[in-house]
Amino acid sequence: MDQLDATFAALADPTRRAILARLIQGEASVMELAEPFAMSQPSISKHLKVLENAGLISRGRDAQRRPCRLEAKPLADANDWLERYRKIWEGNFQRLDALLGAMKAEKAPDSTDQ
């Protein structure tokens, strides 16, 4: 599995996305990350392992604590990949907007004919 596949596979799960959202605020321990979820710590640890294998988080060492932190590069790479498609969609919407504007102008009653 390449890096982009691993990133999107990890992001497919809402719990993992919620964990990443929490880590935007800063480092957190496994216990802190597990608090808002109604699941066991081993289940959270499995989610963290998926995120770590995808390179989306890393774990440090602070005495007895192993805080998790967000790693931005895989998300930036995913964003770069999506950005190419956003530009295509944006061009399509601009062409559609121009077409609708032209159609609206054709249908509008001409005030000079009355």
PDB file of N, CA and C in Angstrom:
ATOM      1  N   MET A   1       0.854  -1.171   0.000  1.00  0.00           N
ATOM      2  CA  MET A   1       0.000   0.000   0.000  1.00  0.00           C
ATOM      3  C   MET A   1       0.903   1.238   0.000  1.00  0.00           C
ATOM      4  N   ASP A   2       0.657   2.151  -0.938  1.00  0.00           N
ATOM      5  CA  ASP A   2       1.491   3.355  -0.947  1.00  0.00           C
ATOM      6  C   ASP A   2       0.983   4.356   0.096  1.00  0.00           C
ATOM      7  N   GLN A   3       1.726   5.437   0.251  1.00  0.00           N
ATOM      8  CA  GLN A   3       1.420   6.408   1.307  1.00  0.00           C
ATOM      9  C   GLN A   3       0.033   7.010   1.155  1.00  0.00           C
ATOM     10  N   LEU A   4      -0.337   7.386  -0.071  1.00  0.00           N
ATOM     11  CA  LEU A   4      -1.654   7.997  -0.293  1.00  0.00           C
ATOM     12  C   LEU A   4      -2.775   7.009   0.009  1.00  0.00           C
ATOM     13  N   ASP A   5      -2.612   5.758  -0.396  1.00  0.00           N
ATOM     14  CA  ASP A   5      -3.606   4.722  -0.075  1.00  0.00           C
ATOM     15  C   ASP A   5      -3.736   4.566   1.438  1.00  0.00           C
ATOM     16  N   ALA A   6      -2.604   4.528   2.133  1.00  0.00           N
ATOM     17  CA  ALA A   6      -2.623   4.372   3.595  1.00  0.00           C
ATOM     18  C   ALA A   6      -3.299   5.563   4.257  1.00  0.00           C
ATOM     19  N   THR A   7      -3.053   6.761   3.728  1.00  0.00           N
ATOM     20  CA  THR A   7      -3.671   7.957   4.297  1.00  0.00           C
ATOM     21  C   THR A   7      -5.185   7.901   4.138  1.00  0.00           C
ATOM     22  N   PHE A   8      -5.660   7.631   2.929  1.00  0.00           N
ATOM     23  CA  PHE A   8      -7.110   7.604   2.721  1.00  0.00           C
ATOM     24  C   PHE A   8      -7.759   6.432   3.448  1.00  0.00           C
ATOM     25  N   ALA A   9      -7.093   5.294   3.526  1.00  0.00           N
ATOM     26  CA  ALA A   9      -7.642   4.153   4.267  1.00  0.00           C
ATOM     27  C   ALA A   9      -7.793   4.513   5.748  1.00  0.00           C
ATOM     28  N   ALA A  10      -6.791   5.198   6.295  1.00  0.00           N
ATOM     29  CA  ALA A  10      -6.862   5.603   7.700  1.00  0.00           C
ATOM     30  C   ALA A  10      -7.959   6.643   7.916  1.00  0.00           C
ATOM     31  N   LEU A  11      -8.124   7.552   6.956  1.00  0.00           N
ATOM     32  CA  LEU A  11      -9.125   8.615   7.089  1.00  0.00           C
ATOM     33  C   LEU A  11     -10.552   8.106   6.864  1.00  0.00           C
ATOM     34  N   ALA A  12     -10.703   6.886   6.379  1.00  0.00           N
ATOM     35  CA  ALA A  12     -12.034   6.342   6.100  1.00  0.00           C
ATOM     36  C   ALA A  12     -12.849   6.094   7.368  1.00  0.00           C
ATOM     37  N   ASP A  13     -12.199   6.042   8.511  1.00  0.00           N
ATOM     38  CA  ASP A  13     -12.883   5.732   9.766  1.00  0.00           C
ATOM     39  C   ASP A  13     -13.160   7.014  10.556  1.00  0.00           C
ATOM     40  N   PRO A  14     -14.419   7.243  10.983  1.00  0.00           N
ATOM     41  CA  PRO A  14     -14.747   8.476  11.713  1.00  0.00           C
ATOM     42  C   PRO A  14     -14.021   8.611  13.058  1.00  0.00           C
ATOM     43  N   THR A  15     -13.758   7.501  13.725  1.00  0.00           N
ATOM     44  CA  THR A  15     -13.031   7.582  14.998  1.00  0.00           C
ATOM     45  C   THR A  15     -11.621   8.101  14.758  1.00  0.00           C
ATOM     46  N   ARG A  16     -10.981   7.608  13.723  1.00  0.00           N
ATOM     47  CA  ARG A  16      -9.612   8.069  13.426  1.00  0.00           C
ATOM     48  C   ARG A  16      -9.613   9.536  13.018  1.00  0.00           C
ATOM     49  N   ARG A  17     -10.630   9.954  12.260  1.00  0.00           N
ATOM     50  CA  ARG A  17     -10.709  11.384  11.903  1.00  0.00           C
ATOM     51  C   ARG A  17     -10.924  12.229  13.161  1.00  0.00           C
ATOM     52  N   ALA A  18     -11.721  11.746  14.101  1.00  0.00           N
ATOM     53  CA  ALA A  18     -11.947  12.482  15.352  1.00  0.00           C
ATOM     54  C   ALA A  18     -10.656  12.562  16.168  1.00  0.00           C
ATOM     55  N   ILE A  19      -9.891  11.495  16.161  1.00  0.00           N
ATOM     56  CA  ILE A  19      -8.603  11.514  16.877  1.00  0.00           C
ATOM     57  C   ILE A  19      -7.679  12.551  16.252  1.00  0.00           C
ATOM     58  N   LEU A  20      -7.622  12.591  14.928  1.00  0.00           N
ATOM     59  CA  LEU A  20      -6.782  13.600  14.262  1.00  0.00           C
ATOM     60  C   LEU A  20      -7.270  15.007  14.587  1.00  0.00           C
ATOM     61  N   ALA A  21      -8.585  15.192  14.612  1.00  0.00           N
ATOM     62  CA  ALA A  21      -9.144  16.517  14.942  1.00  0.00           C
ATOM     63  C   ALA A  21      -8.724  16.921  16.357  1.00  0.00           C
ATOM     64  N   ARG A  22      -8.718  15.971  17.273  1.00  0.00           N
ATOM     65  CA  ARG A  22      -8.283  16.270  18.652  1.00  0.00           C
ATOM     66  C   ARG A  22      -6.808  16.648  18.675  1.00  0.00           C
ATOM     67  N   LEU A  23      -6.000  15.973  17.869  1.00  0.00           N
ATOM     68  CA  LEU A  23      -4.550  16.230  17.877  1.00  0.00           C
ATOM     69  C   LEU A  23      -4.187  17.564  17.239  1.00  0.00           C
ATOM     70  N   ILE A  24      -5.117  18.195  16.531  1.00  0.00           N
ATOM     71  CA  ILE A  24      -4.865  19.548  16.014  1.00  0.00           C
ATOM     72  C   ILE A  24      -4.594  20.493  17.187  1.00  0.00           C
ATOM     73  N   GLN A  25      -5.237  20.206  18.339  1.00  0.00           N
ATOM     74  CA  GLN A  25      -5.078  21.060  19.523  1.00  0.00           C
ATOM     75  C   GLN A  25      -3.730  20.853  20.207  1.00  0.00           C
ATOM     76  N   GLY A  26      -3.049  19.767  19.898  1.00  0.00           N
ATOM     77  CA  GLY A  26      -1.758  19.493  20.512  1.00  0.00           C
ATOM     78  C   GLY A  26      -1.622  18.033  20.897  1.00  0.00           C
ATOM     79  N   GLU A  27      -0.446  17.697  21.410  1.00  0.00           N
ATOM     80  CA  GLU A  27      -0.157  16.322  21.791  1.00  0.00           C
ATOM     81  C   GLU A  27      -1.150  15.817  22.830  1.00  0.00           C
ATOM     82  N   ALA A  28      -1.369  14.511  22.832  1.00  0.00           N
ATOM     83  CA  ALA A  28      -2.274  13.898  23.810  1.00  0.00           C
ATOM     84  C   ALA A  28      -1.852  12.459  24.046  1.00  0.00           C
ATOM     85  N   SER A  29      -2.112  11.989  25.250  1.00  0.00           N
ATOM     86  CA  SER A  29      -1.820  10.593  25.583  1.00  0.00           C
ATOM     87  C   SER A  29      -2.945   9.706  25.060  1.00  0.00           C
ATOM     88  N   VAL A  30      -2.712   8.414  25.085  1.00  0.00           N
ATOM     89  CA  VAL A  30      -3.745   7.470  24.655  1.00  0.00           C
ATOM     90  C   VAL A  30      -4.982   7.625  25.530  1.00  0.00           C
ATOM     91  N   MET A  31      -4.787   7.784  26.830  1.00  0.00           N
ATOM     92  CA  MET A  31      -5.925   7.958  27.753  1.00  0.00           C
ATOM     93  C   MET A  31      -6.719   9.217  27.416  1.00  0.00           C
ATOM     94  N   GLU A  32      -6.019  10.298  27.123  1.00  0.00           N
ATOM     95  CA  GLU A  32      -6.706  11.553  26.772  1.00  0.00           C
ATOM     96  C   GLU A  32      -7.469  11.395  25.462  1.00  0.00           C
ATOM     97  N   LEU A  33      -6.873  10.674  24.517  1.00  0.00           N
ATOM     98  CA  LEU A  33      -7.540  10.477  23.228  1.00  0.00           C
ATOM     99  C   LEU A  33      -8.737   9.543  23.356  1.00  0.00           C
ATOM    100  N   ALA A  34      -8.690   8.617  24.318  1.00  0.00           N
ATOM    101  CA  ALA A  34      -9.770   7.651  24.499  1.00  0.00           C
ATOM    102  C   ALA A  34     -10.977   8.240  25.226  1.00  0.00           C
ATOM    103  N   GLU A  35     -10.782   9.324  25.989  1.00  0.00           N
ATOM    104  CA  GLU A  35     -11.855   9.880  26.829  1.00  0.00           C
ATOM    105  C   GLU A  35     -13.191  10.101  26.119  1.00  0.00           C
ATOM    106  N   PRO A  36     -13.219  10.760  24.968  1.00  0.00           N
ATOM    107  CA  PRO A  36     -14.539  11.058  24.380  1.00  0.00           C
ATOM    108  C   PRO A  36     -15.228   9.868  23.712  1.00  0.00           C
ATOM    109  N   PHE A  37     -14.580   8.729  23.656  1.00  0.00           N
ATOM    110  CA  PHE A  37     -15.142   7.603  22.929  1.00  0.00           C
ATOM    111  C   PHE A  37     -15.654   6.531  23.888  1.00  0.00           C
ATOM    112  N   ALA A  38     -16.745   5.899  23.513  1.00  0.00           N
ATOM    113  CA  ALA A  38     -17.294   4.795  24.299  1.00  0.00           C
ATOM    114  C   ALA A  38     -16.703   3.491  23.791  1.00  0.00           C
ATOM    115  N   MET A  39     -15.399   3.391  23.880  1.00  0.00           N
ATOM    116  CA  MET A  39     -14.717   2.158  23.479  1.00  0.00           C
ATOM    117  C   MET A  39     -13.516   1.946  24.384  1.00  0.00           C
ATOM    118  N   SER A  40     -13.027   0.731  24.362  1.00  0.00           N
ATOM    119  CA  SER A  40     -11.918   0.377  25.251  1.00  0.00           C
ATOM    120  C   SER A  40     -10.617   1.024  24.787  1.00  0.00           C
ATOM    121  N   GLN A  41      -9.680   1.119  25.722  1.00  0.00           N
ATOM    122  CA  GLN A  41      -8.361   1.661  25.381  1.00  0.00           C
ATOM    123  C   GLN A  41      -7.662   0.801  24.337  1.00  0.00           C
ATOM    124  N   PRO A  42      -7.768  -0.556  24.395  1.00  0.00           N
ATOM    125  CA  PRO A  42      -7.159  -1.353  23.318  1.00  0.00           C
ATOM    126  C   PRO A  42      -7.740  -1.035  21.936  1.00  0.00           C
ATOM    127  N   SER A  43      -9.032  -0.741  21.883  1.00  0.00           N
ATOM    128  CA  SER A  43      -9.638  -0.372  20.592  1.00  0.00           C
ATOM    129  C   SER A  43      -9.064   0.954  20.090  1.00  0.00           C
ATOM    130  N   ILE A  44      -8.899   1.904  20.997  1.00  0.00           N
ATOM    131  CA  ILE A  44      -8.296   3.193  20.617  1.00  0.00           C
ATOM    132  C   ILE A  44      -6.856   2.964  20.174  1.00  0.00           C
ATOM    133  N   SER A  45      -6.165   2.094  20.891  1.00  0.00           N
ATOM    134  CA  SER A  45      -4.769   1.804  20.509  1.00  0.00           C
ATOM    135  C   SER A  45      -4.684   1.213  19.106  1.00  0.00           C
ATOM    136  N   LYS A  46      -5.659   0.394  18.728  1.00  0.00           N
ATOM    137  CA  LYS A  46      -5.677  -0.154  17.365  1.00  0.00           C
ATOM    138  C   LYS A  46      -5.851   0.966  16.340  1.00  0.00           C
ATOM    139  N   HIS A  47      -6.744   1.915  16.639  1.00  0.00           N
ATOM    140  CA  HIS A  47      -6.920   3.060  15.736  1.00  0.00           C
ATOM    141  C   HIS A  47      -5.624   3.877  15.650  1.00  0.00           C
ATOM    142  N   LEU A  48      -4.976   4.057  16.787  1.00  0.00           N
ATOM    143  CA  LEU A  48      -3.721   4.822  16.791  1.00  0.00           C
ATOM    144  C   LEU A  48      -2.643   4.107  15.979  1.00  0.00           C
ATOM    145  N   LYS A  49      -2.636   2.795  16.036  1.00  0.00           N
ATOM    146  CA  LYS A  49      -1.648   2.037  15.258  1.00  0.00           C
ATOM    147  C   LYS A  49      -1.874   2.232  13.757  1.00  0.00           C
ATOM    148  N   VAL A  50      -3.130   2.238  13.341  1.00  0.00           N
ATOM    149  CA  VAL A  50      -3.441   2.479  11.921  1.00  0.00           C
ATOM    150  C   VAL A  50      -2.968   3.877  11.524  1.00  0.00           C
ATOM    151  N   LEU A  51      -3.251   4.859  12.373  1.00  0.00           N
ATOM    152  CA  LEU A  51      -2.830   6.242  12.088  1.00  0.00           C
ATOM    153  C   LEU A  51      -1.306   6.349  12.058  1.00  0.00           C
ATOM    154  N   GLU A  52      -0.656   5.651  12.961  1.00  0.00           N
ATOM    155  CA  GLU A  52       0.808   5.679  13.019  1.00  0.00           C
ATOM    156  C   GLU A  52       1.405   4.989  11.788  1.00  0.00           C
ATOM    157  N   ASN A  53       0.846   3.857  11.379  1.00  0.00           N
ATOM    158  CA  ASN A  53       1.340   3.154  10.190  1.00  0.00           C
ATOM    159  C   ASN A  53       1.151   3.984   8.923  1.00  0.00           C
ATOM    160  N   ALA A  54       0.114   4.805   8.906  1.00  0.00           N
ATOM    161  CA  ALA A  54      -0.135   5.691   7.761  1.00  0.00           C
ATOM    162  C   ALA A  54       0.732   6.947   7.826  1.00  0.00           C
ATOM    163  N   GLY A  55       1.456   7.115   8.924  1.00  0.00           N
ATOM    164  CA  GLY A  55       2.321   8.283   9.078  1.00  0.00           C
ATOM    165  C   GLY A  55       1.580   9.535   9.493  1.00  0.00           C
ATOM    166  N   LEU A  56       0.304   9.382   9.864  1.00  0.00           N
ATOM    167  CA  LEU A  56      -0.507  10.547  10.233  1.00  0.00           C
ATOM    168  C   LEU A  56      -0.249  11.018  11.660  1.00  0.00           C
ATOM    169  N   ILE A  57       0.270  10.131  12.495  1.00  0.00           N
ATOM    170  CA  ILE A  57       0.651  10.515  13.856  1.00  0.00           C
ATOM    171  C   ILE A  57       2.009   9.901  14.167  1.00  0.00           C
ATOM    172  N   SER A  58       2.650  10.448  15.175  1.00  0.00           N
ATOM    173  CA  SER A  58       3.865   9.844  15.716  1.00  0.00           C
ATOM    174  C   SER A  58       3.738   9.857  17.229  1.00  0.00           C
ATOM    175  N   ARG A  59       4.526   9.024  17.869  1.00  0.00           N
ATOM    176  CA  ARG A  59       4.487   8.952  19.337  1.00  0.00           C
ATOM    177  C   ARG A  59       5.849   9.322  19.875  1.00  0.00           C
ATOM    178  N   GLY A  60       5.838  10.202  20.833  1.00  0.00           N
ATOM    179  CA  GLY A  60       7.071  10.623  21.469  1.00  0.00           C
ATOM    180  C   GLY A  60       7.273   9.887  22.774  1.00  0.00           C
ATOM    181  N   ARG A  61       8.201  10.377  23.553  1.00  0.00           N
ATOM    182  CA  ARG A  61       8.429   9.788  24.864  1.00  0.00           C
ATOM    183  C   ARG A  61       8.640  10.937  25.836  1.00  0.00           C
ATOM    184  N   ASP A  62       7.831  10.946  26.898  1.00  0.00           N
ATOM    185  CA  ASP A  62       7.909  11.963  27.934  1.00  0.00           C
ATOM    186  C   ASP A  62       7.761  11.224  29.262  1.00  0.00           C
ATOM    187  N   ALA A  63       8.900  10.808  29.829  1.00  0.00           N
ATOM    188  CA  ALA A  63       8.918   9.978  31.051  1.00  0.00           C
ATOM    189  C   ALA A  63       8.111   8.706  30.786  1.00  0.00           C
ATOM    190  N   GLN A  64       7.031   8.498  31.518  1.00  0.00           N
ATOM    191  CA  GLN A  64       6.196   7.306  31.350  1.00  0.00           C
ATOM    192  C   GLN A  64       5.146   7.481  30.259  1.00  0.00           C
ATOM    193  N   ARG A  65       5.011   8.687  29.787  1.00  0.00           N
ATOM    194  CA  ARG A  65       3.983   9.019  28.793  1.00  0.00           C
ATOM    195  C   ARG A  65       4.525   8.841  27.384  1.00  0.00           C
ATOM    196  N   ARG A  66       3.676   8.427  26.473  1.00  0.00           N
ATOM    197  CA  ARG A  66       4.029   8.374  25.050  1.00  0.00           C
ATOM    198  C   ARG A  66       2.993   9.196  24.296  1.00  0.00           C
ATOM    199  N   PRO A  67       3.151  10.527  24.344  1.00  0.00           N
ATOM    200  CA  PRO A  67       2.136  11.378  23.714  1.00  0.00           C
ATOM    201  C   PRO A  67       2.109  11.212  22.191  1.00  0.00           C
ATOM    202  N   CYS A  68       0.923  11.310  21.641  1.00  0.00           N
ATOM    203  CA  CYS A  68       0.729  11.237  20.196  1.00  0.00           C
ATOM    204  C   CYS A  68       0.691  12.649  19.655  1.00  0.00           C
ATOM    205  N   ARG A  69       1.247  12.814  18.482  1.00  0.00           N
ATOM    206  CA  ARG A  69       1.202  14.126  17.829  1.00  0.00           C
ATOM    207  C   ARG A  69       0.858  13.937  16.361  1.00  0.00           C
ATOM    208  N   LEU A  70       0.226  14.946  15.817  1.00  0.00           N
ATOM    209  CA  LEU A  70      -0.192  14.942  14.423  1.00  0.00           C
ATOM    210  C   LEU A  70       1.002  15.169  13.520  1.00  0.00           C
ATOM    211  N   GLU A  71       1.084  14.418  12.445  1.00  0.00           N
ATOM    212  CA  GLU A  71       2.125  14.614  11.428  1.00  0.00           C
ATOM    213  C   GLU A  71       1.431  15.151  10.176  1.00  0.00           C
ATOM    214  N   ALA A  72       1.831  16.305   9.737  1.00  0.00           N
ATOM    215  CA  ALA A  72       1.099  17.031   8.695  1.00  0.00           C
ATOM    216  C   ALA A  72       1.396  16.559   7.272  1.00  0.00           C
ATOM    217  N   LYS A  73       2.554  15.999   7.026  1.00  0.00           N
ATOM    218  CA  LYS A  73       2.949  15.725   5.636  1.00  0.00           C
ATOM    219  C   LYS A  73       1.981  14.814   4.888  1.00  0.00           C
ATOM    220  N   PRO A  74       1.544  13.678   5.451  1.00  0.00           N
ATOM    221  CA  PRO A  74       0.608  12.839   4.699  1.00  0.00           C
ATOM    222  C   PRO A  74      -0.700  13.565   4.377  1.00  0.00           C
ATOM    223  N   LEU A  75      -1.176  14.402   5.298  1.00  0.00           N
ATOM    224  CA  LEU A  75      -2.395  15.172   5.025  1.00  0.00           C
ATOM    225  C   LEU A  75      -2.143  16.206   3.936  1.00  0.00           C
ATOM    226  N   ALA A  76      -0.969  16.815   3.942  1.00  0.00           N
ATOM    227  CA  ALA A  76      -0.627  17.785   2.894  1.00  0.00           C
ATOM    228  C   ALA A  76      -0.551  17.088   1.543  1.00  0.00           C
ATOM    229  N   ASP A  77       0.024  15.883   1.510  1.00  0.00           N
ATOM    230  CA  ASP A  77       0.101  15.120   0.259  1.00  0.00           C
ATOM    231  C   ASP A  77      -1.306  14.763  -0.245  1.00  0.00           C
ATOM    232  N   ALA A  78      -2.191  14.364   0.667  1.00  0.00           N
ATOM    233  CA  ALA A  78      -3.572  14.046   0.278  1.00  0.00           C
ATOM    234  C   ALA A  78      -4.273  15.297  -0.239  1.00  0.00           C
ATOM    235  N   ASN A  79      -4.036  16.416   0.424  1.00  0.00           N
ATOM    236  CA  ASN A  79      -4.637  17.680  -0.010  1.00  0.00           C
ATOM    237  C   ASN A  79      -4.124  18.067  -1.405  1.00  0.00           C
ATOM    238  N   ASP A  80      -2.836  17.867  -1.654  1.00  0.00           N
ATOM    239  CA  ASP A  80      -2.281  18.170  -2.982  1.00  0.00           C
ATOM    240  C   ASP A  80      -2.952  17.312  -4.056  1.00  0.00           C
ATOM    241  N   TRP A  81      -3.171  16.053  -3.748  1.00  0.00           N
ATOM    242  CA  TRP A  81      -3.827  15.140  -4.700  1.00  0.00           C
ATOM    243  C   TRP A  81      -5.258  15.607  -4.971  1.00  0.00           C
ATOM    244  N   LEU A  82      -5.991  15.955  -3.908  1.00  0.00           N
ATOM    245  CA  LEU A  82      -7.372  16.420  -4.066  1.00  0.00           C
ATOM    246  C   LEU A  82      -7.441  17.763  -4.778  1.00  0.00           C
ATOM    247  N   GLU A  83      -6.434  18.592  -4.566  1.00  0.00           N
ATOM    248  CA  GLU A  83      -6.425  19.937  -5.157  1.00  0.00           C
ATOM    249  C   GLU A  83      -6.491  19.888  -6.682  1.00  0.00           C
ATOM    250  N   ARG A  84      -5.854  18.923  -7.287  1.00  0.00           N
ATOM    251  CA  ARG A  84      -5.901  18.787  -8.755  1.00  0.00           C
ATOM    252  C   ARG A  84      -7.339  18.608  -9.217  1.00  0.00           C
ATOM    253  N   TYR A  85      -8.123  17.813  -8.495  1.00  0.00           N
ATOM    254  CA  TYR A  85      -9.513  17.568  -8.875  1.00  0.00           C
ATOM    255  C   TYR A  85     -10.387  18.769  -8.549  1.00  0.00           C
ATOM    256  N   ARG A  86     -10.057  19.484  -7.475  1.00  0.00           N
ATOM    257  CA  ARG A  86     -10.823  20.681  -7.136  1.00  0.00           C
ATOM    258  C   ARG A  86     -10.716  21.695  -8.270  1.00  0.00           C
ATOM    259  N   LYS A  87      -9.551  21.831  -8.863  1.00  0.00           N
ATOM    260  CA  LYS A  87      -9.366  22.778  -9.956  1.00  0.00           C
ATOM    261  C   LYS A  87     -10.217  22.385 -11.167  1.00  0.00           C
ATOM    262  N   ILE A  88     -10.314  21.084 -11.443  1.00  0.00           N
ATOM    263  CA  ILE A  88     -11.161  20.627 -12.558  1.00  0.00           C
ATOM    264  C   ILE A  88     -12.617  20.963 -12.270  1.00  0.00           C
ATOM    265  N   TRP A  89     -13.085  20.644 -11.034  1.00  0.00           N
ATOM    266  CA  TRP A  89     -14.483  20.912 -10.679  1.00  0.00           C
ATOM    267  C   TRP A  89     -14.761  22.409 -10.708  1.00  0.00           C
ATOM    268  N   GLU A  90     -13.834  23.207 -10.246  1.00  0.00           N
ATOM    269  CA  GLU A  90     -14.013  24.654 -10.239  1.00  0.00           C
ATOM    270  C   GLU A  90     -14.160  25.183 -11.668  1.00  0.00           C
ATOM    271  N   GLY A  91     -13.356  24.657 -12.598  1.00  0.00           N
ATOM    272  CA  GLY A  91     -13.477  25.050 -14.005  1.00  0.00           C
ATOM    273  C   GLY A  91     -14.834  24.651 -14.568  1.00  0.00           C
ATOM    274  N   ASN A  92     -15.304  23.447 -14.214  1.00  0.00           N
ATOM    275  CA  ASN A  92     -16.627  22.997 -14.679  1.00  0.00           C
ATOM    276  C   ASN A  92     -17.726  23.896 -14.131  1.00  0.00           C
ATOM    277  N   PHE A  93     -17.650  24.251 -12.869  1.00  0.00           N
ATOM    278  CA  PHE A  93     -18.671  25.125 -12.274  1.00  0.00           C
ATOM    279  C   PHE A  93     -18.644  26.509 -12.913  1.00  0.00           C
ATOM    280  N   GLN A  94     -17.481  27.022 -13.229  1.00  0.00           N
ATOM    281  CA  GLN A  94     -17.397  28.336 -13.864  1.00  0.00           C
ATOM    282  C   GLN A  94     -18.028  28.304 -15.258  1.00  0.00           C
ATOM    283  N   ARG A  95     -17.783  27.219 -16.009  1.00  0.00           N
ATOM    284  CA  ARG A  95     -18.400  27.092 -17.334  1.00  0.00           C
ATOM    285  C   ARG A  95     -19.917  26.960 -17.200  1.00  0.00           C
ATOM    286  N   LEU A  96     -20.392  26.181 -16.228  1.00  0.00           N
ATOM    287  CA  LEU A  96     -21.829  26.030 -15.997  1.00  0.00           C
ATOM    288  C   LEU A  96     -22.440  27.369 -15.596  1.00  0.00           C
ATOM    289  N   ASP A  97     -21.768  28.099 -14.742  1.00  0.00           N
ATOM    290  CA  ASP A  97     -22.262  29.407 -14.303  1.00  0.00           C
ATOM    291  C   ASP A  97     -22.375  30.365 -15.499  1.00  0.00           C
ATOM    292  N   ALA A  98     -21.391  30.344 -16.384  1.00  0.00           N
ATOM    293  CA  ALA A  98     -21.421  31.207 -17.569  1.00  0.00           C
ATOM    294  C   ALA A  98     -22.574  30.801 -18.490  1.00  0.00           C
ATOM    295  N   LEU A  99     -22.778  29.487 -18.660  1.00  0.00           N
ATOM    296  CA  LEU A  99     -23.872  29.001 -19.502  1.00  0.00           C
ATOM    297  C   LEU A  99     -25.221  29.413 -18.925  1.00  0.00           C
ATOM    298  N   LEU A 100     -25.402  29.218 -17.623  1.00  0.00           N
ATOM    299  CA  LEU A 100     -26.663  29.595 -16.981  1.00  0.00           C
ATOM    300  C   LEU A 100     -26.900  31.101 -17.075  1.00  0.00           C
ATOM    301  N   GLY A 101     -25.830  31.873 -16.948  1.00  0.00           N
ATOM    302  CA  GLY A 101     -25.955  33.323 -17.085  1.00  0.00           C
ATOM    303  C   GLY A 101     -26.378  33.702 -18.495  1.00  0.00           C
ATOM    304  N   ALA A 102     -25.818  33.031 -19.503  1.00  0.00           N
ATOM    305  CA  ALA A 102     -26.189  33.311 -20.895  1.00  0.00           C
ATOM    306  C   ALA A 102     -27.637  32.900 -21.154  1.00  0.00           C
ATOM    307  N   MET A 103     -28.052  31.753 -20.622  1.00  0.00           N
ATOM    308  CA  MET A 103     -29.437  31.289 -20.807  1.00  0.00           C
ATOM    309  C   MET A 103     -30.417  32.240 -20.124  1.00  0.00           C
ATOM    310  N   LYS A 104     -30.044  32.721 -18.946  1.00  0.00           N
ATOM    311  CA  LYS A 104     -30.907  33.647 -18.207  1.00  0.00           C
ATOM    312  C   LYS A 104     -31.045  34.960 -18.984  1.00  0.00           C
ATOM    313  N   ALA A 105     -29.964  35.411 -19.581  1.00  0.00           N
ATOM    314  CA  ALA A 105     -29.996  36.655 -20.360  1.00  0.00           C
ATOM    315  C   ALA A 105     -30.855  36.482 -21.603  1.00  0.00           C
ATOM    316  N   GLU A 106     -30.854  35.297 -22.227  1.00  0.00           N
ATOM    317  CA  GLU A 106     -31.678  35.035 -23.411  1.00  0.00           C
ATOM    318  C   GLU A 106     -33.156  35.028 -23.066  1.00  0.00           C
ATOM    319  N   LYS A 107     -33.517  34.481 -21.898  1.00  0.00           N
ATOM    320  CA  LYS A 107     -34.916  34.343 -21.488  1.00  0.00           C
ATOM    321  C   LYS A 107     -35.487  35.622 -20.901  1.00  0.00           C
ATOM    322  N   ALA A 108     -34.643  36.509 -20.438  1.00  0.00           N
ATOM    323  CA  ALA A 108     -35.124  37.730 -19.788  1.00  0.00           C
ATOM    324  C   ALA A 108     -35.887  38.572 -20.806  1.00  0.00           C
ATOM    325  N   PRO A 109     -37.065  39.063 -20.430  1.00  0.00           N
ATOM    326  CA  PRO A 109     -37.824  39.918 -21.354  1.00  0.00           C
ATOM    327  C   PRO A 109     -37.030  41.180 -21.678  1.00  0.00           C
ATOM    328  N   ASP A 110     -37.036  41.526 -22.908  1.00  0.00           N
ATOM    329  CA  ASP A 110     -36.292  42.713 -23.344  1.00  0.00           C
ATOM    330  C   ASP A 110     -37.147  43.945 -23.069  1.00  0.00           C
ATOM    331  N   SER A 111     -36.715  44.783 -22.188  1.00  0.00           N
ATOM    332  CA  SER A 111     -37.490  45.963 -21.793  1.00  0.00           C
ATOM    333  C   SER A 111     -37.605  46.978 -22.928  1.00  0.00           C
ATOM    334  N   THR A 112     -36.769  46.917 -23.943  1.00  0.00           N
ATOM    335  CA  THR A 112     -36.845  47.888 -25.054  1.00  0.00           C
ATOM    336  C   THR A 112     -37.905  47.501 -26.056  1.00  0.00           C
ATOM    337  N   ASP A 113     -38.437  46.224 -26.031  1.00  0.00           N
ATOM    338  CA  ASP A 113     -39.466  45.781 -26.977  1.00  0.00           C
ATOM    339  C   ASP A 113     -40.850  46.269 -26.580  1.00  0.00           C
ATOM    340  N   GLN A 114     -41.062  46.710 -25.363  1.00  0.00           N
ATOM    341  CA  GLN A 114     -42.409  47.071 -24.904  1.00  0.00           C
ATOM    342  C   GLN A 114     -42.755  48.504 -25.174  1.00  0.00           C
TER     343      GLN A 114
END
